[in-house]
Amino acid sequence: MSGDVVNLRMARKRRDRSIKEADAERNRFEHGRSKAERELARARNDKATREHAASRRDPGDSGS
């Protein structure tokens, strides 16, 4: 019943590195786009929002 010996200091460092890498990946995704790409995404989102709002029906309108 002998288990593997674990160096807790190294395990903590490994865990912290993986957390930092995940944060860095998230930041690269969020902030790694050019200004033109951000503006294009914003314009597409605004257009989709306008089209969605234009296709809504008012609750007081009757279809008949």
PDB file of N, CA and C in Angstrom:
ATOM      1  N   MET A   1       0.808  -1.189   0.000  1.00  0.00           N
ATOM      2  CA  MET A   1       0.000   0.000   0.000  1.00  0.00           C
ATOM      3  C   MET A   1       0.853   1.256   0.000  1.00  0.00           C
ATOM      4  N   SER A   2       1.848   1.307  -0.792  1.00  0.00           N
ATOM      5  CA  SER A   2       2.660   2.516  -0.845  1.00  0.00           C
ATOM      6  C   SER A   2       2.183   3.366  -2.019  1.00  0.00           C
ATOM      7  N   GLY A   3       1.986   4.639  -1.738  1.00  0.00           N
ATOM      8  CA  GLY A   3       1.548   5.558  -2.777  1.00  0.00           C
ATOM      9  C   GLY A   3       2.714   6.352  -3.307  1.00  0.00           C
ATOM     10  N   ASP A   4       2.441   7.144  -4.293  1.00  0.00           N
ATOM     11  CA  ASP A   4       3.480   7.987  -4.865  1.00  0.00           C
ATOM     12  C   ASP A   4       3.751   9.160  -3.936  1.00  0.00           C
ATOM     13  N   VAL A   5       4.976   9.538  -3.818  1.00  0.00           N
ATOM     14  CA  VAL A   5       5.365  10.688  -3.014  1.00  0.00           C
ATOM     15  C   VAL A   5       5.134  11.939  -3.857  1.00  0.00           C
ATOM     16  N   VAL A   6       4.443  12.907  -3.260  1.00  0.00           N
ATOM     17  CA  VAL A   6       4.106  14.130  -3.986  1.00  0.00           C
ATOM     18  C   VAL A   6       4.778  15.307  -3.301  1.00  0.00           C
ATOM     19  N   ASN A   7       5.518  16.069  -4.049  1.00  0.00           N
ATOM     20  CA  ASN A   7       6.121  17.283  -3.534  1.00  0.00           C
ATOM     21  C   ASN A   7       5.057  18.374  -3.623  1.00  0.00           C
ATOM     22  N   LEU A   8       4.550  18.800  -2.470  1.00  0.00           N
ATOM     23  CA  LEU A   8       3.442  19.756  -2.447  1.00  0.00           C
ATOM     24  C   LEU A   8       3.809  21.107  -3.040  1.00  0.00           C
ATOM     25  N   ARG A   9       5.041  21.532  -2.848  1.00  0.00           N
ATOM     26  CA  ARG A   9       5.474  22.809  -3.410  1.00  0.00           C
ATOM     27  C   ARG A   9       5.397  22.769  -4.936  1.00  0.00           C
ATOM     28  N   MET A  10       5.880  21.686  -5.519  1.00  0.00           N
ATOM     29  CA  MET A  10       5.842  21.559  -6.983  1.00  0.00           C
ATOM     30  C   MET A  10       4.415  21.401  -7.481  1.00  0.00           C
ATOM     31  N   ALA A  11       3.583  20.697  -6.726  1.00  0.00           N
ATOM     32  CA  ALA A  11       2.192  20.523  -7.124  1.00  0.00           C
ATOM     33  C   ALA A  11       1.468  21.869  -7.115  1.00  0.00           C
ATOM     34  N   ARG A  12       1.732  22.681  -6.085  1.00  0.00           N
ATOM     35  CA  ARG A  12       1.118  24.009  -6.020  1.00  0.00           C
ATOM     36  C   ARG A  12       1.579  24.879  -7.185  1.00  0.00           C
ATOM     37  N   LYS A  13       2.856  24.846  -7.475  1.00  0.00           N
ATOM     38  CA  LYS A  13       3.373  25.644  -8.589  1.00  0.00           C
ATOM     39  C   LYS A  13       2.757  25.197  -9.910  1.00  0.00           C
ATOM     40  N   ARG A  14       2.610  23.897 -10.103  1.00  0.00           N
ATOM     41  CA  ARG A  14       2.008  23.361 -11.322  1.00  0.00           C
ATOM     42  C   ARG A  14       0.554  23.830 -11.442  1.00  0.00           C
ATOM     43  N   ARG A  15      -0.166  23.774 -10.322  1.00  0.00           N
ATOM     44  CA  ARG A  15      -1.566  24.213 -10.318  1.00  0.00           C
ATOM     45  C   ARG A  15      -1.655  25.706 -10.640  1.00  0.00           C
ATOM     46  N   ASP A  16      -0.801  26.517 -10.002  1.00  0.00           N
ATOM     47  CA  ASP A  16      -0.819  27.960 -10.236  1.00  0.00           C
ATOM     48  C   ASP A  16      -0.477  28.298 -11.682  1.00  0.00           C
ATOM     49  N   ARG A  17       0.481  27.569 -12.256  1.00  0.00           N
ATOM     50  CA  ARG A  17       0.829  27.800 -13.661  1.00  0.00           C
ATOM     51  C   ARG A  17      -0.346  27.512 -14.581  1.00  0.00           C
ATOM     52  N   SER A  18      -1.067  26.430 -14.311  1.00  0.00           N
ATOM     53  CA  SER A  18      -2.195  26.090 -15.180  1.00  0.00           C
ATOM     54  C   SER A  18      -3.313  27.120 -15.051  1.00  0.00           C
ATOM     55  N   ILE A  19      -3.523  27.658 -13.851  1.00  0.00           N
ATOM     56  CA  ILE A  19      -4.533  28.701 -13.659  1.00  0.00           C
ATOM     57  C   ILE A  19      -4.127  29.965 -14.414  1.00  0.00           C
ATOM     58  N   LYS A  20      -2.847  30.347 -14.296  1.00  0.00           N
ATOM     59  CA  LYS A  20      -2.372  31.541 -15.000  1.00  0.00           C
ATOM     60  C   LYS A  20      -2.469  31.365 -16.515  1.00  0.00           C
ATOM     61  N   GLU A  21      -2.175  30.173 -16.997  1.00  0.00           N
ATOM     62  CA  GLU A  21      -2.264  29.917 -18.439  1.00  0.00           C
ATOM     63  C   GLU A  21      -3.709  30.019 -18.916  1.00  0.00           C
ATOM     64  N   ALA A  22      -4.652  29.526 -18.122  1.00  0.00           N
ATOM     65  CA  ALA A  22      -6.066  29.625 -18.494  1.00  0.00           C
ATOM     66  C   ALA A  22      -6.502  31.086 -18.536  1.00  0.00           C
ATOM     67  N   ASP A  23      -6.060  31.879 -17.564  1.00  0.00           N
ATOM     68  CA  ASP A  23      -6.378  33.309 -17.567  1.00  0.00           C
ATOM     69  C   ASP A  23      -5.761  34.011 -18.771  1.00  0.00           C
ATOM     70  N   ALA A  24      -4.530  33.658 -19.093  1.00  0.00           N
ATOM     71  CA  ALA A  24      -3.867  34.267 -20.241  1.00  0.00           C
ATOM     72  C   ALA A  24      -4.590  33.912 -21.540  1.00  0.00           C
ATOM     73  N   GLU A  25      -5.037  32.678 -21.650  1.00  0.00           N
ATOM     74  CA  GLU A  25      -5.783  32.263 -22.852  1.00  0.00           C
ATOM     75  C   GLU A  25      -7.075  33.057 -22.980  1.00  0.00           C
ATOM     76  N   ARG A  26      -7.768  33.232 -21.869  1.00  0.00           N
ATOM     77  CA  ARG A  26      -9.010  34.006 -21.879  1.00  0.00           C
ATOM     78  C   ARG A  26      -8.738  35.452 -22.290  1.00  0.00           C
ATOM     79  N   ASN A  27      -7.673  36.045 -21.763  1.00  0.00           N
ATOM     80  CA  ASN A  27      -7.332  37.420 -22.113  1.00  0.00           C
ATOM     81  C   ASN A  27      -6.913  37.545 -23.568  1.00  0.00           C
ATOM     82  N   ARG A  28      -6.185  36.561 -24.072  1.00  0.00           N
ATOM     83  CA  ARG A  28      -5.812  36.597 -25.491  1.00  0.00           C
ATOM     84  C   ARG A  28      -7.057  36.570 -26.360  1.00  0.00           C
ATOM     85  N   PHE A  29      -8.043  35.782 -25.965  1.00  0.00           N
ATOM     86  CA  PHE A  29      -9.269  35.702 -26.752  1.00  0.00           C
ATOM     87  C   PHE A  29     -10.039  37.015 -26.685  1.00  0.00           C
ATOM     88  N   GLU A  30     -10.150  37.595 -25.486  1.00  0.00           N
ATOM     89  CA  GLU A  30     -10.951  38.807 -25.318  1.00  0.00           C
ATOM     90  C   GLU A  30     -10.262  40.044 -25.888  1.00  0.00           C
ATOM     91  N   HIS A  31      -8.965  40.162 -25.708  1.00  0.00           N
ATOM     92  CA  HIS A  31      -8.272  41.395 -26.049  1.00  0.00           C
ATOM     93  C   HIS A  31      -7.348  41.264 -27.249  1.00  0.00           C
ATOM     94  N   GLY A  32      -7.288  40.120 -27.855  1.00  0.00           N
ATOM     95  CA  GLY A  32      -6.330  39.893 -28.926  1.00  0.00           C
ATOM     96  C   GLY A  32      -6.854  40.177 -30.312  1.00  0.00           C
ATOM     97  N   ARG A  33      -7.963  40.901 -30.407  1.00  0.00           N
ATOM     98  CA  ARG A  33      -8.507  41.197 -31.732  1.00  0.00           C
ATOM     99  C   ARG A  33      -8.122  42.602 -32.157  1.00  0.00           C
ATOM    100  N   SER A  34      -8.012  42.806 -33.452  1.00  0.00           N
ATOM    101  CA  SER A  34      -7.675  44.133 -33.956  1.00  0.00           C
ATOM    102  C   SER A  34      -8.902  45.040 -33.855  1.00  0.00           C
ATOM    103  N   LYS A  35      -8.679  46.315 -34.017  1.00  0.00           N
ATOM    104  CA  LYS A  35      -9.766  47.281 -33.924  1.00  0.00           C
ATOM    105  C   LYS A  35     -10.814  47.021 -35.013  1.00  0.00           C
ATOM    106  N   ALA A  36     -10.367  46.683 -36.199  1.00  0.00           N
ATOM    107  CA  ALA A  36     -11.292  46.413 -37.300  1.00  0.00           C
ATOM    108  C   ALA A  36     -12.161  45.191 -36.991  1.00  0.00           C
ATOM    109  N   GLU A  37     -11.556  44.159 -36.408  1.00  0.00           N
ATOM    110  CA  GLU A  37     -12.334  42.967 -36.052  1.00  0.00           C
ATOM    111  C   GLU A  37     -13.361  43.279 -34.970  1.00  0.00           C
ATOM    112  N   ARG A  38     -12.974  44.094 -33.977  1.00  0.00           N
ATOM    113  CA  ARG A  38     -13.923  44.467 -32.922  1.00  0.00           C
ATOM    114  C   ARG A  38     -15.071  45.282 -33.489  1.00  0.00           C
ATOM    115  N   GLU A  39     -14.772  46.235 -34.376  1.00  0.00           N
ATOM    116  CA  GLU A  39     -15.820  47.070 -34.963  1.00  0.00           C
ATOM    117  C   GLU A  39     -16.747  46.246 -35.849  1.00  0.00           C
ATOM    118  N   LEU A  40     -16.194  45.292 -36.587  1.00  0.00           N
ATOM    119  CA  LEU A  40     -17.018  44.431 -37.428  1.00  0.00           C
ATOM    120  C   LEU A  40     -17.950  43.579 -36.565  1.00  0.00           C
ATOM    121  N   ALA A  41     -17.444  43.020 -35.496  1.00  0.00           N
ATOM    122  CA  ALA A  41     -18.273  42.216 -34.605  1.00  0.00           C
ATOM    123  C   ALA A  41     -19.357  43.073 -33.966  1.00  0.00           C
ATOM    124  N   ARG A  42     -19.004  44.281 -33.570  1.00  0.00           N
ATOM    125  CA  ARG A  42     -19.991  45.182 -32.970  1.00  0.00           C
ATOM    126  C   ARG A  42     -21.074  45.543 -33.981  1.00  0.00           C
ATOM    127  N   ALA A  43     -20.685  45.830 -35.235  1.00  0.00           N
ATOM    128  CA  ALA A  43     -21.658  46.184 -36.272  1.00  0.00           C
ATOM    129  C   ALA A  43     -22.589  45.008 -36.561  1.00  0.00           C
ATOM    130  N   ARG A  44     -22.041  43.798 -36.630  1.00  0.00           N
ATOM    131  CA  ARG A  44     -22.885  42.625 -36.866  1.00  0.00           C
ATOM    132  C   ARG A  44     -23.863  42.413 -35.720  1.00  0.00           C
ATOM    133  N   ASN A  45     -23.392  42.604 -34.497  1.00  0.00           N
ATOM    134  CA  ASN A  45     -24.252  42.437 -33.341  1.00  0.00           C
ATOM    135  C   ASN A  45     -25.363  43.489 -33.330  1.00  0.00           C
ATOM    136  N   ASP A  46     -25.022  44.735 -33.647  1.00  0.00           N
ATOM    137  CA  ASP A  46     -26.029  45.797 -33.701  1.00  0.00           C
ATOM    138  C   ASP A  46     -27.074  45.514 -34.770  1.00  0.00           C
ATOM    139  N   LYS A  47     -26.637  45.033 -35.929  1.00  0.00           N
ATOM    140  CA  LYS A  47     -27.570  44.725 -37.013  1.00  0.00           C
ATOM    141  C   LYS A  47     -28.511  43.595 -36.606  1.00  0.00           C
ATOM    142  N   ALA A  48     -27.969  42.557 -35.975  1.00  0.00           N
ATOM    143  CA  ALA A  48     -28.807  41.442 -35.530  1.00  0.00           C
ATOM    144  C   ALA A  48     -29.820  41.914 -34.488  1.00  0.00           C
ATOM    145  N   THR A  49     -29.403  42.805 -33.603  1.00  0.00           N
ATOM    146  CA  THR A  49     -30.308  43.344 -32.585  1.00  0.00           C
ATOM    147  C   THR A  49     -31.416  44.162 -33.233  1.00  0.00           C
ATOM    148  N   ARG A  50     -31.068  44.999 -34.211  1.00  0.00           N
ATOM    149  CA  ARG A  50     -32.086  45.800 -34.911  1.00  0.00           C
ATOM    150  C   ARG A  50     -33.083  44.903 -35.648  1.00  0.00           C
ATOM    151  N   GLU A  51     -32.573  43.879 -36.351  1.00  0.00           N
ATOM    152  CA  GLU A  51     -33.464  42.976 -37.087  1.00  0.00           C
ATOM    153  C   GLU A  51     -34.379  42.212 -36.138  1.00  0.00           C
ATOM    154  N   HIS A  52     -33.852  41.812 -35.009  1.00  0.00           N
ATOM    155  CA  HIS A  52     -34.662  41.090 -34.025  1.00  0.00           C
ATOM    156  C   HIS A  52     -35.760  42.006 -33.476  1.00  0.00           C
ATOM    157  N   ALA A  53     -35.400  43.246 -33.169  1.00  0.00           N
ATOM    158  CA  ALA A  53     -36.381  44.190 -32.631  1.00  0.00           C
ATOM    159  C   ALA A  53     -37.433  44.539 -33.685  1.00  0.00           C
ATOM    160  N   ALA A  54     -37.045  44.592 -34.953  1.00  0.00           N
ATOM    161  CA  ALA A  54     -37.982  44.946 -36.018  1.00  0.00           C
ATOM    162  C   ALA A  54     -38.996  43.837 -36.264  1.00  0.00           C
ATOM    163  N   SER A  55     -38.657  42.614 -35.950  1.00  0.00           N
ATOM    164  CA  SER A  55     -39.575  41.512 -36.228  1.00  0.00           C
ATOM    165  C   SER A  55     -40.499  41.202 -35.060  1.00  0.00           C
ATOM    166  N   ARG A  56     -40.386  41.952 -33.974  1.00  0.00           N
ATOM    167  CA  ARG A  56     -41.247  41.714 -32.808  1.00  0.00           C
ATOM    168  C   ARG A  56     -42.641  42.257 -33.061  1.00  0.00           C
ATOM    169  N   ARG A  57     -43.609  41.612 -32.465  1.00  0.00           N
ATOM    170  CA  ARG A  57     -44.980  42.091 -32.551  1.00  0.00           C
ATOM    171  C   ARG A  57     -45.356  42.761 -31.248  1.00  0.00           C
ATOM    172  N   ASP A  58     -46.162  43.799 -31.338  1.00  0.00           N
ATOM    173  CA  ASP A  58     -46.654  44.458 -30.134  1.00  0.00           C
ATOM    174  C   ASP A  58     -47.800  43.651 -29.562  1.00  0.00           C
ATOM    175  N   PRO A  59     -47.916  43.534 -28.248  1.00  0.00           N
ATOM    176  CA  PRO A  59     -48.980  42.736 -27.649  1.00  0.00           C
ATOM    177  C   PRO A  59     -50.364  43.309 -27.931  1.00  0.00           C
ATOM    178  N   GLY A  60     -50.495  44.643 -28.201  1.00  0.00           N
ATOM    179  CA  GLY A  60     -51.789  45.252 -28.459  1.00  0.00           C
ATOM    180  C   GLY A  60     -52.265  45.065 -29.898  1.00  0.00           C
ATOM    181  N   ASP A  61     -51.362  44.692 -30.803  1.00  0.00           N
ATOM    182  CA  ASP A  61     -51.750  44.496 -32.202  1.00  0.00           C
ATOM    183  C   ASP A  61     -52.505  43.193 -32.355  1.00  0.00           C
ATOM    184  N   SER A  62     -53.543  43.222 -33.163  1.00  0.00           N
ATOM    185  CA  SER A  62     -54.255  41.984 -33.467  1.00  0.00           C
ATOM    186  C   SER A  62     -53.982  41.608 -34.907  1.00  0.00           C
ATOM    187  N   GLY A  63     -53.824  40.334 -35.134  1.00  0.00           N
ATOM    188  CA  GLY A  63     -53.508  39.845 -36.477  1.00  0.00           C
ATOM    189  C   GLY A  63     -54.711  39.822 -37.399  1.00  0.00           C
ATOM    190  N   SER A  64     -55.920  39.975 -36.872  1.00  0.00           N
ATOM    191  CA  SER A  64     -57.126  39.909 -37.678  1.00  0.00           C
ATOM    192  C   SER A  64     -57.564  41.223 -38.201  1.00  0.00           C
TER     193      SER A  64
END
